[in-house]
Amino acid sequence: MPDIGWMELLVIGVVALIVVGPKDLPMMFRRLGQITGKVRAMAKDFQRAMDEAADETGMSEINRDLKSAAKFTNPRKMGMDALNEAFEDVDLDPSKYAEGSNTRIIAEKQAARKQELADKAEAARKAREAKVAGIDAAAAEMEADMADPPPRPEPAPAAEVGAAAPAEDPAPGPARTGTDKT
C-alpha cells in the first residue's frame, strides 16, 4: 500500500478545494468519512466471520498444536533439552565412590571444577557490583557538585572601578574583508 505523507494530503486537499469548491468541500469530506466507516465495518464483520469459521472447523486448535510443536523443530534445542533431562538427577558426589577408584577421581575433578566455576561467577558478580557502586558513587558526587553553585567573585568597590579604566588596544585587529561595511 502506498504511503501518503502530509505533503500528498495537502496537495489532495488543495486540488479538492479547487475542483469541488469551498462550499461543497465539507459535505464531500463528511461523505468520504461515512464511506470509510462503512468499509471498516464490513472488514471487521468479514474478519469476525472468518474467525468464527476457523473456530467451528477446529483450525484454532490445529494452530495451537502447531505452535506448541514448533519448539521441537530445532534439533539442537531438542537434543540439549534431552541431555539436560537425562543428566539432571546425576549427582557426582565423590564420597559415594570407593577410595582410589577412577569414578571417584573423576567425581572429585568435576566437583573441584564446579566449585572453581562457582567461585569465578561469584567473583565476577562482586566485581560487577563494585563497578556499579563506583559508578553510582561518582554519579552522586557529580550531582552534589552540580547542586552546589560555584562561588561568585565579589564585586570591586566603586572607587576602584572608576580609577582602573580599561586601556585601548593600541594595535587594531586585522582589516575586515567582505561586503558588510558596518
C-alpha atoms as a PDB file:
ATOM      1  CA  MET A   1       0.000   0.000   0.000  1.00  0.00           C
ATOM      2  CA  PRO A   2       1.481   3.360  -0.928  1.00  0.00           C
ATOM      3  CA  ASP A   3       2.448   5.686   1.862  1.00  0.00           C
ATOM      4  CA  ILE A   4       0.694   9.023   1.800  1.00  0.00           C
ATOM      5  CA  GLY A   5       2.547  11.761   3.645  1.00  0.00           C
ATOM      6  CA  TRP A   6       1.451  15.186   4.764  1.00  0.00           C
ATOM      7  CA  MET A   7       2.587  16.845   1.548  1.00  0.00           C
ATOM      8  CA  GLU A   8       0.493  14.449  -0.554  1.00  0.00           C
ATOM      9  CA  LEU A   9      -2.531  15.063   1.674  1.00  0.00           C
ATOM     10  CA  LEU A  10      -2.022  18.803   1.329  1.00  0.00           C
ATOM     11  CA  VAL A  11      -1.893  18.538  -2.473  1.00  0.00           C
ATOM     12  CA  ILE A  12      -5.047  16.372  -2.492  1.00  0.00           C
ATOM     13  CA  GLY A  13      -6.819  18.913  -0.257  1.00  0.00           C
ATOM     14  CA  VAL A  14      -5.850  21.861  -2.463  1.00  0.00           C
ATOM     15  CA  VAL A  15      -6.946  20.039  -5.630  1.00  0.00           C
ATOM     16  CA  ALA A  16     -10.239  19.046  -3.953  1.00  0.00           C
ATOM     17  CA  LEU A  17     -10.763  22.651  -2.863  1.00  0.00           C
ATOM     18  CA  ILE A  18     -10.235  23.867  -6.425  1.00  0.00           C
ATOM     19  CA  VAL A  19     -12.320  21.144  -8.113  1.00  0.00           C
ATOM     20  CA  VAL A  20     -15.195  20.842  -5.627  1.00  0.00           C
ATOM     21  CA  GLY A  21     -15.184  24.352  -4.280  1.00  0.00           C
ATOM     22  CA  PRO A  22     -15.161  25.658  -0.721  1.00  0.00           C
ATOM     23  CA  LYS A  23     -18.948  25.420  -0.386  1.00  0.00           C
ATOM     24  CA  ASP A  24     -19.292  21.673  -1.082  1.00  0.00           C
ATOM     25  CA  LEU A  25     -15.915  20.546   0.332  1.00  0.00           C
ATOM     26  CA  PRO A  26     -17.119  19.870   3.939  1.00  0.00           C
ATOM     27  CA  MET A  27     -20.012  17.757   2.642  1.00  0.00           C
ATOM     28  CA  MET A  28     -17.643  15.796   0.402  1.00  0.00           C
ATOM     29  CA  PHE A  29     -15.253  15.044   3.294  1.00  0.00           C
ATOM     30  CA  ARG A  30     -18.196  14.060   5.525  1.00  0.00           C
ATOM     31  CA  ARG A  31     -19.422  11.626   2.854  1.00  0.00           C
ATOM     32  CA  LEU A  32     -15.872  10.261   2.431  1.00  0.00           C
ATOM     33  CA  GLY A  33     -15.690   9.661   6.197  1.00  0.00           C
ATOM     34  CA  GLN A  34     -19.023   7.813   6.153  1.00  0.00           C
ATOM     35  CA  ILE A  35     -17.874   5.588   3.290  1.00  0.00           C
ATOM     36  CA  THR A  36     -14.593   4.864   5.086  1.00  0.00           C
ATOM     37  CA  GLY A  37     -16.508   3.905   8.236  1.00  0.00           C
ATOM     38  CA  LYS A  38     -18.741   1.533   6.266  1.00  0.00           C
ATOM     39  CA  VAL A  39     -15.716  -0.114   4.629  1.00  0.00           C
ATOM     40  CA  ARG A  40     -14.053  -0.608   8.022  1.00  0.00           C
ATOM     41  CA  ALA A  41     -17.248  -2.095   9.479  1.00  0.00           C
ATOM     42  CA  MET A  42     -17.513  -4.526   6.557  1.00  0.00           C
ATOM     43  CA  ALA A  43     -13.861  -5.551   7.003  1.00  0.00           C
ATOM     44  CA  LYS A  44     -14.427  -6.110  10.723  1.00  0.00           C
ATOM     45  CA  ASP A  45     -17.524  -8.251  10.035  1.00  0.00           C
ATOM     46  CA  PHE A  46     -15.592 -10.278   7.458  1.00  0.00           C
ATOM     47  CA  GLN A  47     -12.718 -10.852   9.913  1.00  0.00           C
ATOM     48  CA  ARG A  48     -15.158 -11.902  12.643  1.00  0.00           C
ATOM     49  CA  ALA A  49     -16.895 -14.333  10.255  1.00  0.00           C
ATOM     50  CA  MET A  50     -13.554 -15.860   9.231  1.00  0.00           C
ATOM     51  CA  ASP A  51     -12.531 -16.280  12.889  1.00  0.00           C
ATOM     52  CA  GLU A  52     -15.845 -17.974  13.698  1.00  0.00           C
ATOM     53  CA  ALA A  53     -15.466 -20.308  10.706  1.00  0.00           C
ATOM     54  CA  ALA A  54     -11.935 -21.206  11.828  1.00  0.00           C
ATOM     55  CA  ASP A  55     -13.206 -21.940  15.349  1.00  0.00           C
ATOM     56  CA  GLU A  56     -16.012 -24.148  14.009  1.00  0.00           C
ATOM     57  CA  THR A  57     -13.683 -26.215  11.842  1.00  0.00           C
ATOM     58  CA  GLY A  58     -11.081 -26.631  14.588  1.00  0.00           C
ATOM     59  CA  MET A  59      -8.406 -24.545  12.901  1.00  0.00           C
ATOM     60  CA  SER A  60      -7.656 -22.651  16.099  1.00  0.00           C
ATOM     61  CA  GLU A  61      -6.857 -25.939  17.865  1.00  0.00           C
ATOM     62  CA  ILE A  62      -4.627 -27.033  14.984  1.00  0.00           C
ATOM     63  CA  ASN A  63      -2.899 -23.655  15.049  1.00  0.00           C
ATOM     64  CA  ARG A  64      -2.279 -24.014  18.791  1.00  0.00           C
ATOM     65  CA  ASP A  65      -0.888 -27.541  18.292  1.00  0.00           C
ATOM     66  CA  LEU A  66       1.408 -26.361  15.510  1.00  0.00           C
ATOM     67  CA  LYS A  67       2.762 -23.571  17.684  1.00  0.00           C
ATOM     68  CA  SER A  68       3.456 -25.999  20.528  1.00  0.00           C
ATOM     69  CA  ALA A  69       5.140 -28.417  18.089  1.00  0.00           C
ATOM     70  CA  ALA A  70       7.321 -25.633  16.713  1.00  0.00           C
ATOM     71  CA  LYS A  71       9.573 -25.821  19.757  1.00  0.00           C
ATOM     72  CA  PHE A  72      10.597 -29.324  18.672  1.00  0.00           C
ATOM     73  CA  THR A  73      11.681 -28.252  15.188  1.00  0.00           C
ATOM     74  CA  ASN A  74      15.057 -27.029  16.403  1.00  0.00           C
ATOM     75  CA  PRO A  75      17.155 -30.220  16.653  1.00  0.00           C
ATOM     76  CA  ARG A  76      19.905 -28.572  18.676  1.00  0.00           C
ATOM     77  CA  LYS A  77      17.479 -27.311  21.320  1.00  0.00           C
ATOM     78  CA  MET A  78      15.659 -30.627  21.371  1.00  0.00           C
ATOM     79  CA  GLY A  79      18.953 -32.513  21.870  1.00  0.00           C
ATOM     80  CA  MET A  80      20.136 -30.169  24.615  1.00  0.00           C
ATOM     81  CA  ASP A  81      16.794 -30.477  26.409  1.00  0.00           C
ATOM     82  CA  ALA A  82      17.031 -34.273  26.249  1.00  0.00           C
ATOM     83  CA  LEU A  83      20.604 -34.219  27.601  1.00  0.00           C
ATOM     84  CA  ASN A  84      19.685 -31.858  30.410  1.00  0.00           C
ATOM     85  CA  GLU A  85      16.758 -34.067  31.388  1.00  0.00           C
ATOM     86  CA  ALA A  86      18.933 -37.196  31.298  1.00  0.00           C
ATOM     87  CA  PHE A  87      21.715 -35.763  33.456  1.00  0.00           C
ATOM     88  CA  GLU A  88      19.521 -33.670  35.725  1.00  0.00           C
ATOM     89  CA  ASP A  89      19.429 -36.227  38.524  1.00  0.00           C
ATOM     90  CA  VAL A  90      23.071 -37.345  38.178  1.00  0.00           C
ATOM     91  CA  ASP A  91      24.988 -36.270  41.250  1.00  0.00           C
ATOM     92  CA  LEU A  92      28.721 -36.839  41.218  1.00  0.00           C
ATOM     93  CA  ASP A  93      29.374 -36.809  44.943  1.00  0.00           C
ATOM     94  CA  PRO A  94      32.939 -38.127  45.467  1.00  0.00           C
ATOM     95  CA  SER A  95      32.105 -39.575  48.878  1.00  0.00           C
ATOM     96  CA  LYS A  96      29.733 -42.099  47.268  1.00  0.00           C
ATOM     97  CA  TYR A  97      32.525 -43.924  45.471  1.00  0.00           C
ATOM     98  CA  ALA A  98      35.337 -46.146  46.733  1.00  0.00           C
ATOM     99  CA  GLU A  99      38.665 -44.537  47.605  1.00  0.00           C
ATOM    100  CA  GLY A 100      41.095 -44.615  44.668  1.00  0.00           C
ATOM    101  CA  SER A 101      38.528 -45.639  42.047  1.00  0.00           C
ATOM    102  CA  ASN A 102      38.504 -43.898  38.693  1.00  0.00           C
ATOM    103  CA  THR A 103      34.906 -42.835  39.233  1.00  0.00           C
ATOM    104  CA  ARG A 104      35.837 -41.098  42.477  1.00  0.00           C
ATOM    105  CA  ILE A 105      38.785 -39.336  40.832  1.00  0.00           C
ATOM    106  CA  ILE A 106      36.542 -38.074  38.035  1.00  0.00           C
ATOM    107  CA  ALA A 107      33.865 -37.026  40.546  1.00  0.00           C
ATOM    108  CA  GLU A 108      36.475 -35.116  42.597  1.00  0.00           C
ATOM    109  CA  LYS A 109      37.710 -33.339  39.456  1.00  0.00           C
ATOM    110  CA  GLN A 110      34.163 -32.447  38.484  1.00  0.00           C
ATOM    111  CA  ALA A 111      33.375 -31.188  41.989  1.00  0.00           C
ATOM    112  CA  ALA A 112      36.563 -29.090  42.013  1.00  0.00           C
ATOM    113  CA  ARG A 113      35.747 -27.670  38.575  1.00  0.00           C
ATOM    114  CA  LYS A 114      32.181 -26.929  39.639  1.00  0.00           C
ATOM    115  CA  GLN A 115      33.443 -25.131  42.758  1.00  0.00           C
ATOM    116  CA  GLU A 116      36.012 -23.206  40.695  1.00  0.00           C
ATOM    117  CA  LEU A 117      33.319 -22.041  38.257  1.00  0.00           C
ATOM    118  CA  ALA A 118      31.055 -21.042  41.140  1.00  0.00           C
ATOM    119  CA  ASP A 119      33.918 -19.051  42.710  1.00  0.00           C
ATOM    120  CA  LYS A 120      34.644 -17.321  39.384  1.00  0.00           C
ATOM    121  CA  ALA A 121      30.980 -16.474  38.943  1.00  0.00           C
ATOM    122  CA  GLU A 122      30.820 -15.077  42.484  1.00  0.00           C
ATOM    123  CA  ALA A 123      33.985 -13.006  41.919  1.00  0.00           C
ATOM    124  CA  ALA A 124      32.593 -11.653  38.645  1.00  0.00           C
ATOM    125  CA  ARG A 125      29.310 -10.787  40.364  1.00  0.00           C
ATOM    126  CA  LYS A 126      31.147  -8.955  43.157  1.00  0.00           C
ATOM    127  CA  ALA A 127      33.311  -7.101  40.617  1.00  0.00           C
ATOM    128  CA  ARG A 128      30.192  -6.001  38.721  1.00  0.00           C
ATOM    129  CA  GLU A 129      28.553  -4.850  41.936  1.00  0.00           C
ATOM    130  CA  ALA A 130      31.695  -2.930  42.927  1.00  0.00           C
ATOM    131  CA  LYS A 131      31.869  -1.326  39.496  1.00  0.00           C
ATOM    132  CA  VAL A 132      28.209  -0.330  39.657  1.00  0.00           C
ATOM    133  CA  ALA A 133      28.705   1.011  43.184  1.00  0.00           C
ATOM    134  CA  GLY A 134      31.708   3.041  41.968  1.00  0.00           C
ATOM    135  CA  ILE A 135      29.715   4.439  39.085  1.00  0.00           C
ATOM    136  CA  ASP A 136      26.826   5.273  41.413  1.00  0.00           C
ATOM    137  CA  ALA A 137      29.210   6.988  43.839  1.00  0.00           C
ATOM    138  CA  ALA A 138      30.789   9.014  41.026  1.00  0.00           C
ATOM    139  CA  ALA A 139      27.351   9.998  39.753  1.00  0.00           C
ATOM    140  CA  ALA A 140      26.262  11.038  43.246  1.00  0.00           C
ATOM    141  CA  GLU A 141      29.454  13.079  43.639  1.00  0.00           C
ATOM    142  CA  MET A 142      28.867  14.785  40.292  1.00  0.00           C
ATOM    143  CA  GLU A 143      25.275  15.539  41.250  1.00  0.00           C
ATOM    144  CA  ALA A 144      26.462  17.006  44.549  1.00  0.00           C
ATOM    145  CA  ASP A 145      28.996  19.159  42.686  1.00  0.00           C
ATOM    146  CA  MET A 146      26.289  20.316  40.295  1.00  0.00           C
ATOM    147  CA  ALA A 147      23.945  21.140  43.185  1.00  0.00           C
ATOM    148  CA  ASP A 148      26.482  23.422  44.875  1.00  0.00           C
ATOM    149  CA  PRO A 149      26.778  26.638  42.826  1.00  0.00           C
ATOM    150  CA  PRO A 150      30.326  27.851  42.227  1.00  0.00           C
ATOM    151  CA  PRO A 151      31.361  30.800  44.397  1.00  0.00           C
ATOM    152  CA  ARG A 152      30.764  34.144  42.736  1.00  0.00           C
ATOM    153  CA  PRO A 153      33.552  36.700  42.700  1.00  0.00           C
ATOM    154  CA  GLU A 154      32.910  39.668  44.912  1.00  0.00           C
ATOM    155  CA  PRO A 155      32.345  42.948  43.028  1.00  0.00           C
ATOM    156  CA  ALA A 156      35.087  45.534  43.251  1.00  0.00           C
ATOM    157  CA  PRO A 157      34.414  48.726  45.227  1.00  0.00           C
ATOM    158  CA  ALA A 158      33.065  51.657  43.197  1.00  0.00           C
ATOM    159  CA  ALA A 159      36.210  53.770  43.711  1.00  0.00           C
ATOM    160  CA  GLU A 160      38.430  51.145  42.112  1.00  0.00           C
ATOM    161  CA  VAL A 161      36.125  50.742  39.147  1.00  0.00           C
ATOM    162  CA  GLY A 162      36.420  54.405  38.141  1.00  0.00           C
ATOM    163  CA  ALA A 163      40.190  54.511  38.657  1.00  0.00           C
ATOM    164  CA  ALA A 164      41.024  51.477  36.610  1.00  0.00           C
ATOM    165  CA  ALA A 165      39.641  52.250  33.179  1.00  0.00           C
ATOM    166  CA  PRO A 166      40.407  49.684  30.531  1.00  0.00           C
ATOM    167  CA  ALA A 167      43.208  50.678  28.206  1.00  0.00           C
ATOM    168  CA  GLU A 168      42.557  50.997  24.489  1.00  0.00           C
ATOM    169  CA  ASP A 169      44.152  48.377  22.287  1.00  0.00           C
ATOM    170  CA  PRO A 170      46.935  50.307  20.507  1.00  0.00           C
ATOM    171  CA  ALA A 171      47.192  47.836  17.622  1.00  0.00           C
ATOM    172  CA  PRO A 172      43.995  47.484  15.615  1.00  0.00           C
ATOM    173  CA  GLY A 173      42.935  43.996  14.567  1.00  0.00           C
ATOM    174  CA  PRO A 174      43.183  42.750  11.022  1.00  0.00           C
ATOM    175  CA  ALA A 175      41.117  44.600   8.477  1.00  0.00           C
ATOM    176  CA  ARG A 176      37.750  43.062   7.726  1.00  0.00           C
ATOM    177  CA  THR A 177      37.117  41.803   4.273  1.00  0.00           C
ATOM    178  CA  GLY A 178      33.738  41.248   2.737  1.00  0.00           C
ATOM    179  CA  THR A 179      30.717  43.149   1.612  1.00  0.00           C
ATOM    180  CA  ASP A 180      29.449  44.288   5.013  1.00  0.00           C
ATOM    181  CA  LYS A 181      30.566  47.920   5.504  1.00  0.00           C
ATOM    182  CA  THR A 182      29.326  48.492   9.053  1.00  0.00           C
END
